[in-house]
Amino acid sequence: MTQARAFWTVAAGIGELRAETLPAPGPNEIIVRALASGISRGTEATVFAGRVPPSQYEAMRAPLMAGSFPFPVKYGYACVGAAPDGARMFVLHPHQDIFCAPSAMCVPVPDAVPTERAVLAANMETALNIVWDAQPLAGERLLVIGAGVVGLLTASLLAKLPAAQVTVVDIDPSRAAMAAKFGCAFATPETAPRDQEKIIDASGSEAGLRLALACAGFEATIVEASWFADRMPALPLGEAFHPRRLRLISSQVGSVAAPMRGRRSHRERLAIALALLADAAFDALLEPATDFAELPTAMPRLLRGGLCHVVRYRPGSRPRPPQKGGAEAPPSL
């Protein structure tokens, strides 16, 4: 029997490391030893604060999570680990040092993608699905609102379209350099260009979605990529919304976007996302790593903002007794 440790959220703003004993893997399962995992701030902050609406408990379940909402719950979906033969795998698994996973859910990490960069695969998969939902065209005016990880990854994909004019909007002017790194223009909300043809809102804010409506041109498509959880944004759907014949759609990674559904499976979509991460420019989205053992005390701070935070698992570490930590729940997203 294998001993493991996993990070659990046990109350709003409080996490702990729990020991567990893994059973022997079944015929279609493998044991994976974690190397690194990524914290997906938007979703994990919502879970950590206990703000998943009861109506969404089932929809919000991660593929290999344990427990139940609101608490206690073992949550996360961006882990890179080593299989018994040493091959690196990306698995949609919570933060845990050793775990058992179905072989079909273990997607090989390409040799060209370093381990820590590979934790971006879940976010890149989301960005890829957003692009599939948006169906952008060469030469279009494209606007991405929100220069977080998902927004910047989405912008990086849009910028590869021939003659596309991609602008990233954020309230933080320091993100201009990041936008430029991915071949995009940058604007603050006050200077955001109007008459845009495809707009992606990845801001996670009511203000971002309202800006998307204001910047949309005639018959533009607005893709809402944020999840508001238990918040209810107020939107100006009067004014020019109908005369401009705007189209507002949602994008969510749980289902393959309609234009590619039936043509690419979830596993194939994730493999594409991993291959896209071969570009070293994406290292700019990674923050310095935190040791897995520090998560109970560090998680409240890590969820307050930033880019992709990496959790590092030290090879050969032995399980310790459960550790607890906590602080006030992070502020609303």
Protein backbone atom coordinates (compact mmCIF):
# COMPACT_ATOMS: atom_id res chain seq x y z
CA MET A 1 0.00 0.00 0.00
CA THR A 2 1.31 3.47 -0.91
CA GLN A 3 1.12 6.43 1.47
CA ALA A 4 0.22 9.81 -0.01
CA ARG A 5 -0.66 13.37 1.05
CA ALA A 6 -3.27 15.60 -0.52
CA PHE A 7 -4.39 19.19 -0.06
CA TRP A 8 -7.98 19.53 1.16
CA THR A 9 -10.12 22.62 1.70
CA VAL A 10 -11.94 21.92 4.96
CA ALA A 11 -13.71 25.25 5.56
CA ALA A 12 -13.85 28.69 3.95
CA GLY A 13 -10.25 29.88 3.64
CA ILE A 14 -8.80 26.89 5.52
CA GLY A 15 -6.80 24.05 3.99
CA GLU A 16 -4.83 21.11 5.33
CA LEU A 17 -2.67 18.26 4.12
CA ARG A 18 -4.30 14.89 4.72
CA ALA A 19 -2.59 11.52 4.62
CA GLU A 20 -4.23 8.72 2.67
CA THR A 21 -3.40 5.18 1.72
CA LEU A 22 -3.62 4.35 -1.96
CA PRO A 23 -4.93 0.96 -3.03
CA ALA A 24 -3.06 -1.03 -5.64
CA PRO A 25 -3.86 0.33 -9.12
CA GLY A 26 -6.49 -1.51 -11.13
CA PRO A 27 -5.89 -2.99 -14.58
CA ASN A 28 -6.54 0.34 -16.32
CA GLU A 29 -4.87 2.60 -13.76
CA ILE A 30 -1.35 3.77 -12.99
CA ILE A 31 0.42 5.26 -9.99
CA VAL A 32 1.66 8.79 -10.68
CA ARG A 33 4.24 10.62 -8.56
CA ALA A 34 3.59 14.37 -8.76
CA LEU A 35 6.36 16.66 -10.00
CA ALA A 36 4.46 19.96 -10.19
CA SER A 37 0.92 21.27 -10.17
CA GLY A 38 -0.63 24.59 -11.05
CA ILE A 39 -3.13 26.69 -9.13
CA SER A 40 -6.00 27.86 -11.30
CA ARG A 41 -6.76 30.99 -9.34
CA GLY A 42 -10.25 31.84 -10.57
CA THR A 43 -11.90 28.49 -9.96
CA GLU A 44 -9.80 27.43 -6.99
CA ALA A 45 -10.41 30.74 -5.20
CA THR A 46 -14.16 30.17 -5.60
CA VAL A 47 -13.86 26.65 -4.19
CA PHE A 48 -11.52 27.74 -1.37
CA ALA A 49 -13.96 30.47 -0.31
CA GLY A 50 -16.94 28.09 -0.38
CA ARG A 51 -18.69 30.11 -3.08
CA VAL A 52 -19.74 27.33 -5.44
CA PRO A 53 -23.54 27.71 -5.81
CA PRO A 54 -25.46 24.59 -4.71
CA SER A 55 -27.08 24.44 -8.15
CA GLN A 56 -23.59 23.96 -9.66
CA TYR A 57 -22.20 21.33 -7.30
CA GLU A 58 -22.39 18.58 -9.91
CA ALA A 59 -21.26 20.72 -12.85
CA MET A 60 -18.25 21.99 -10.90
CA ARG A 61 -16.88 18.61 -9.96
CA ALA A 62 -13.34 18.17 -11.26
CA PRO A 63 -12.67 14.80 -12.93
CA LEU A 64 -10.64 13.27 -10.07
CA MET A 65 -11.66 15.42 -7.08
CA ALA A 66 -12.72 13.86 -3.79
CA GLY A 67 -15.11 14.97 -1.10
CA SER A 68 -18.06 17.20 -1.89
CA PHE A 69 -18.96 20.88 -2.03
CA PRO A 70 -18.79 23.04 -0.11
CA PHE A 71 -16.44 21.20 2.32
CA PRO A 72 -14.37 19.16 2.78
CA VAL A 73 -13.18 18.90 -0.78
CA LYS A 74 -9.97 17.87 -2.55
CA TYR A 75 -9.92 20.05 -5.65
CA GLY A 76 -7.60 20.92 -8.53
CA TYR A 77 -6.93 19.90 -12.11
CA ALA A 78 -3.43 20.80 -13.26
CA CYS A 79 -0.88 18.19 -12.24
CA VAL A 80 2.25 16.94 -13.99
CA GLY A 81 3.71 13.71 -12.68
CA ALA A 82 5.90 10.74 -13.49
CA ALA A 83 4.54 7.32 -14.35
CA PRO A 84 6.34 4.22 -13.04
CA ASP A 85 8.43 4.08 -16.24
CA GLY A 86 9.50 7.72 -15.75
CA ALA A 87 7.35 9.14 -18.53
CA ARG A 88 5.86 12.54 -17.69
CA MET A 89 2.08 12.81 -17.72
CA PHE A 90 -0.42 15.62 -17.36
CA VAL A 91 -3.40 14.61 -15.26
CA LEU A 92 -6.52 16.54 -14.22
CA HIS A 93 -5.88 15.71 -10.57
CA PRO A 94 -5.97 17.77 -7.34
CA HIS A 95 -2.80 18.77 -5.48
CA GLN A 96 -1.42 15.46 -4.17
CA ASP A 97 2.10 14.00 -4.04
CA ILE A 98 1.27 10.45 -5.19
CA PHE A 99 -2.02 9.29 -6.70
CA CYS A 100 -3.70 6.60 -8.74
CA ALA A 101 -5.34 7.68 -12.01
CA PRO A 102 -7.04 6.01 -14.98
CA SER A 103 -4.53 5.48 -17.77
CA ALA A 104 -6.91 7.12 -20.25
CA MET A 105 -6.70 10.38 -18.27
CA CYS A 106 -2.89 10.48 -18.24
CA VAL A 107 -1.79 12.50 -21.28
CA PRO A 108 1.92 12.41 -22.21
CA VAL A 109 3.84 15.68 -21.88
CA PRO A 110 5.84 16.42 -25.06
CA ASP A 111 9.61 16.40 -24.66
CA ALA A 112 9.74 20.04 -25.78
CA VAL A 113 7.59 21.20 -22.84
CA PRO A 114 9.36 21.56 -19.45
CA THR A 115 7.56 20.18 -16.41
CA GLU A 116 6.63 23.48 -14.77
CA ARG A 117 5.39 25.01 -18.03
CA ALA A 118 3.24 21.92 -18.60
CA VAL A 119 1.05 22.83 -15.61
CA LEU A 120 -0.43 25.52 -17.88
CA ALA A 121 -2.10 22.79 -19.94
CA ALA A 122 -5.48 23.07 -18.22
CA ASN A 123 -5.54 26.83 -18.79
CA MET A 124 -4.33 26.43 -22.37
CA GLU A 125 -7.08 23.87 -22.95
CA THR A 126 -9.58 26.48 -21.74
CA ALA A 127 -8.07 29.09 -24.06
CA LEU A 128 -8.21 26.68 -26.99
CA ASN A 129 -11.87 25.96 -26.30
CA ILE A 130 -12.59 29.70 -26.12
CA VAL A 131 -11.01 30.19 -29.55
CA TRP A 132 -13.07 27.31 -30.95
CA ASP A 133 -16.22 28.91 -29.51
CA ALA A 134 -15.32 32.36 -30.87
CA GLN A 135 -14.51 31.10 -34.40
CA PRO A 136 -12.33 34.13 -35.23
CA LEU A 137 -11.47 35.03 -38.80
CA ALA A 138 -8.23 36.25 -40.36
CA GLY A 139 -8.05 40.03 -40.37
CA GLU A 140 -10.69 40.58 -37.67
CA ARG A 141 -10.46 43.13 -34.87
CA LEU A 142 -10.20 41.00 -31.72
CA LEU A 143 -10.39 42.16 -28.13
CA VAL A 144 -9.46 40.17 -25.02
CA ILE A 145 -10.55 41.73 -21.73
CA GLY A 146 -8.54 40.52 -18.75
CA ALA A 147 -4.78 39.88 -18.85
CA GLY A 148 -4.79 36.95 -16.48
CA VAL A 149 -3.46 33.55 -17.49
CA VAL A 150 -6.50 32.46 -19.50
CA GLY A 151 -6.84 35.86 -21.15
CA LEU A 152 -3.19 36.01 -22.19
CA LEU A 153 -3.17 32.42 -23.43
CA THR A 154 -6.29 33.14 -25.48
CA ALA A 155 -4.73 36.31 -26.89
CA SER A 156 -1.57 34.39 -27.81
CA LEU A 157 -3.63 31.98 -29.91
CA LEU A 158 -5.67 34.73 -31.56
CA ALA A 159 -2.49 36.62 -32.45
CA LYS A 160 -1.41 33.73 -34.67
CA LEU A 161 -4.29 34.41 -37.09
CA PRO A 162 -3.16 36.14 -40.29
CA ALA A 163 -3.68 39.92 -40.19
CA ALA A 164 -5.56 39.72 -36.90
CA GLN A 165 -5.58 42.88 -34.81
CA VAL A 166 -5.55 41.65 -31.20
CA THR A 167 -5.79 44.02 -28.25
CA VAL A 168 -5.56 42.95 -24.61
CA VAL A 169 -7.32 45.13 -22.03
CA ASP A 170 -6.50 45.19 -18.33
CA ILE A 171 -6.70 47.59 -15.40
CA ASP A 172 -3.02 46.89 -14.65
CA PRO A 173 -0.78 48.84 -17.07
CA SER A 174 2.16 46.59 -16.19
CA ARG A 175 0.51 43.80 -18.21
CA ALA A 176 1.31 45.75 -21.41
CA ALA A 177 4.73 44.09 -21.63
CA MET A 178 3.13 40.68 -21.32
CA ALA A 179 0.65 41.45 -24.11
CA ALA A 180 3.51 42.62 -26.34
CA LYS A 181 5.38 39.38 -25.67
CA PHE A 182 2.51 37.52 -27.33
CA GLY A 183 2.23 39.89 -30.28
CA CYS A 184 -0.76 41.88 -29.00
CA ALA A 185 -1.54 45.55 -28.48
CA PHE A 186 -2.55 46.71 -25.00
CA ALA A 187 -5.11 49.15 -23.65
CA THR A 188 -6.59 50.13 -20.32
CA PRO A 189 -10.39 50.11 -20.01
CA GLU A 190 -10.46 53.87 -20.66
CA THR A 191 -8.57 53.52 -23.95
CA ALA A 192 -10.02 50.20 -25.18
CA PRO A 193 -10.78 50.30 -28.91
CA ARG A 194 -14.41 50.26 -30.10
CA ASP A 195 -16.04 48.56 -33.08
CA GLN A 196 -14.45 45.20 -32.29
CA GLU A 197 -15.72 42.09 -34.11
CA LYS A 198 -14.90 39.36 -31.60
CA ILE A 199 -14.55 40.11 -27.90
CA ILE A 200 -13.43 37.64 -25.23
CA ASP A 201 -14.23 38.57 -21.64
CA ALA A 202 -11.81 36.80 -19.31
CA SER A 203 -11.83 39.51 -16.64
CA GLY A 204 -14.00 37.72 -14.10
CA SER A 205 -15.75 41.03 -13.42
CA GLU A 206 -19.03 42.74 -14.19
CA ALA A 207 -17.07 45.77 -15.35
CA GLY A 208 -15.21 43.63 -17.89
CA LEU A 209 -18.41 42.25 -19.39
CA ARG A 210 -19.97 45.72 -19.54
CA LEU A 211 -16.85 46.94 -21.34
CA ALA A 212 -17.16 44.08 -23.81
CA LEU A 213 -20.69 45.23 -24.67
CA ALA A 214 -19.50 48.82 -25.07
CA CYS A 215 -16.63 47.84 -27.39
CA ALA A 216 -18.64 45.52 -29.66
CA GLY A 217 -19.25 46.53 -33.26
CA PHE A 218 -22.26 45.71 -35.43
CA GLU A 219 -23.18 41.99 -35.21
CA ALA A 220 -20.11 41.31 -33.06
CA THR A 221 -19.76 38.16 -30.96
CA ILE A 222 -18.92 38.43 -27.27
CA VAL A 223 -17.60 35.24 -25.66
CA GLU A 224 -18.01 35.23 -21.88
CA ALA A 225 -15.17 33.10 -20.54
CA SER A 226 -15.46 34.17 -16.89
CA TRP A 227 -17.52 32.29 -14.33
CA PHE A 228 -19.36 34.50 -11.87
CA ALA A 229 -20.22 31.69 -9.43
CA ASP A 230 -22.80 33.10 -6.98
CA ARG A 231 -22.53 36.69 -8.26
CA MET A 232 -25.24 38.22 -10.49
CA PRO A 233 -23.80 40.90 -12.78
CA ALA A 234 -26.07 43.70 -13.98
CA LEU A 235 -25.71 44.33 -17.72
CA PRO A 236 -26.90 47.12 -20.04
CA LEU A 237 -28.89 44.97 -22.45
CA GLY A 238 -30.98 47.95 -23.49
CA GLU A 239 -29.27 50.86 -25.24
CA ALA A 240 -27.46 49.63 -28.36
CA PHE A 241 -27.50 45.90 -27.57
CA HIS A 242 -30.37 45.13 -29.98
CA PRO A 243 -29.69 47.72 -32.72
CA ARG A 244 -26.14 46.40 -33.01
CA ARG A 245 -27.49 42.81 -33.12
CA LEU A 246 -24.87 41.62 -30.64
CA ARG A 247 -24.33 37.95 -29.89
CA LEU A 248 -23.39 36.97 -26.33
CA ILE A 249 -22.31 33.37 -25.79
CA SER A 250 -20.67 31.44 -22.98
CA SER A 251 -17.57 29.28 -23.15
CA GLN A 252 -16.85 26.56 -20.62
CA VAL A 253 -14.16 23.92 -20.86
CA GLY A 254 -16.24 21.02 -19.49
CA SER A 255 -17.61 20.38 -22.99
CA VAL A 256 -15.68 20.52 -26.24
CA ALA A 257 -16.77 23.65 -28.11
CA ALA A 258 -19.57 23.00 -30.61
CA PRO A 259 -17.51 23.67 -33.77
CA MET A 260 -15.13 20.83 -32.79
CA ARG A 261 -17.48 18.55 -30.86
CA GLY A 262 -17.46 15.06 -32.33
CA ARG A 263 -14.23 15.87 -34.15
CA ARG A 264 -11.89 16.13 -31.13
CA SER A 265 -12.24 14.27 -27.84
CA HIS A 266 -11.38 15.79 -24.46
CA ARG A 267 -8.11 13.86 -24.49
CA GLU A 268 -7.22 15.07 -28.00
CA ARG A 269 -8.01 18.66 -27.02
CA LEU A 270 -5.71 18.38 -23.99
CA ALA A 271 -2.95 16.88 -26.15
CA ILE A 272 -3.23 19.86 -28.52
CA ALA A 273 -3.01 22.24 -25.55
CA LEU A 274 0.17 20.54 -24.33
CA ALA A 275 1.74 20.72 -27.79
CA LEU A 276 0.98 24.45 -27.97
CA LEU A 277 3.05 24.97 -24.81
CA ALA A 278 6.31 24.18 -26.63
CA ASP A 279 6.82 27.96 -26.95
CA ALA A 280 9.21 29.23 -24.23
CA ALA A 281 7.38 32.60 -24.21
CA PHE A 282 4.78 30.98 -21.94
CA ASP A 283 7.32 30.75 -19.12
CA ALA A 284 6.49 34.41 -18.47
CA LEU A 285 3.11 33.27 -17.10
CA LEU A 286 4.70 31.17 -14.34
CA GLU A 287 5.40 32.47 -10.85
CA PRO A 288 8.16 31.08 -8.61
CA ALA A 289 7.16 27.75 -7.13
CA THR A 290 5.91 27.01 -3.62
CA ASP A 291 6.66 23.66 -1.96
CA PHE A 292 3.67 21.38 -1.63
CA ALA A 293 4.24 21.12 2.13
CA GLU A 294 3.61 24.87 2.45
CA LEU A 295 0.19 24.90 0.78
CA PRO A 296 -1.95 25.01 3.96
CA THR A 297 -0.40 28.30 5.07
CA ALA A 298 0.36 29.68 1.60
CA MET A 299 -2.91 29.03 -0.26
CA PRO A 300 -4.88 32.06 1.05
CA ARG A 301 -2.07 34.35 -0.11
CA LEU A 302 -1.56 32.57 -3.43
CA LEU A 303 -5.21 32.94 -4.39
CA ARG A 304 -5.29 36.72 -4.01
CA GLY A 305 -3.97 37.46 -7.49
CA GLY A 306 -1.18 37.04 -9.99
CA LEU A 307 -0.47 34.65 -12.82
CA CYS A 308 -0.01 30.86 -12.68
CA HIS A 309 1.47 29.74 -9.39
CA VAL A 310 3.40 26.48 -9.47
CA VAL A 311 3.40 23.93 -6.66
CA ARG A 312 6.62 21.91 -6.47
CA TYR A 313 6.79 18.33 -5.18
CA ARG A 314 10.18 17.26 -3.92
CA PRO A 315 11.23 13.77 -5.07
CA GLY A 316 11.55 11.19 -2.35
CA SER A 317 9.75 13.20 0.35
CA ARG A 318 7.99 11.09 2.93
CA PRO A 319 4.43 11.61 4.12
CA ARG A 320 4.08 13.76 7.23
CA PRO A 321 1.25 14.01 9.75
CA PRO A 322 -1.69 16.15 8.57
CA GLN A 323 -0.89 19.87 8.57
CA LYS A 324 -3.42 22.63 8.89
CA GLY A 325 -3.44 26.27 8.03
CA GLY A 326 -5.84 28.99 7.18
CA ALA A 327 -6.73 32.60 7.01
CA GLU A 328 -9.66 34.69 6.04
CA ALA A 329 -11.21 33.62 2.77
CA PRO A 330 -9.77 35.52 -0.21
CA PRO A 331 -11.70 38.54 -1.41
CA SER A 332 -14.41 38.15 -4.04
CA LEU A 333 -13.05 37.57 -7.52
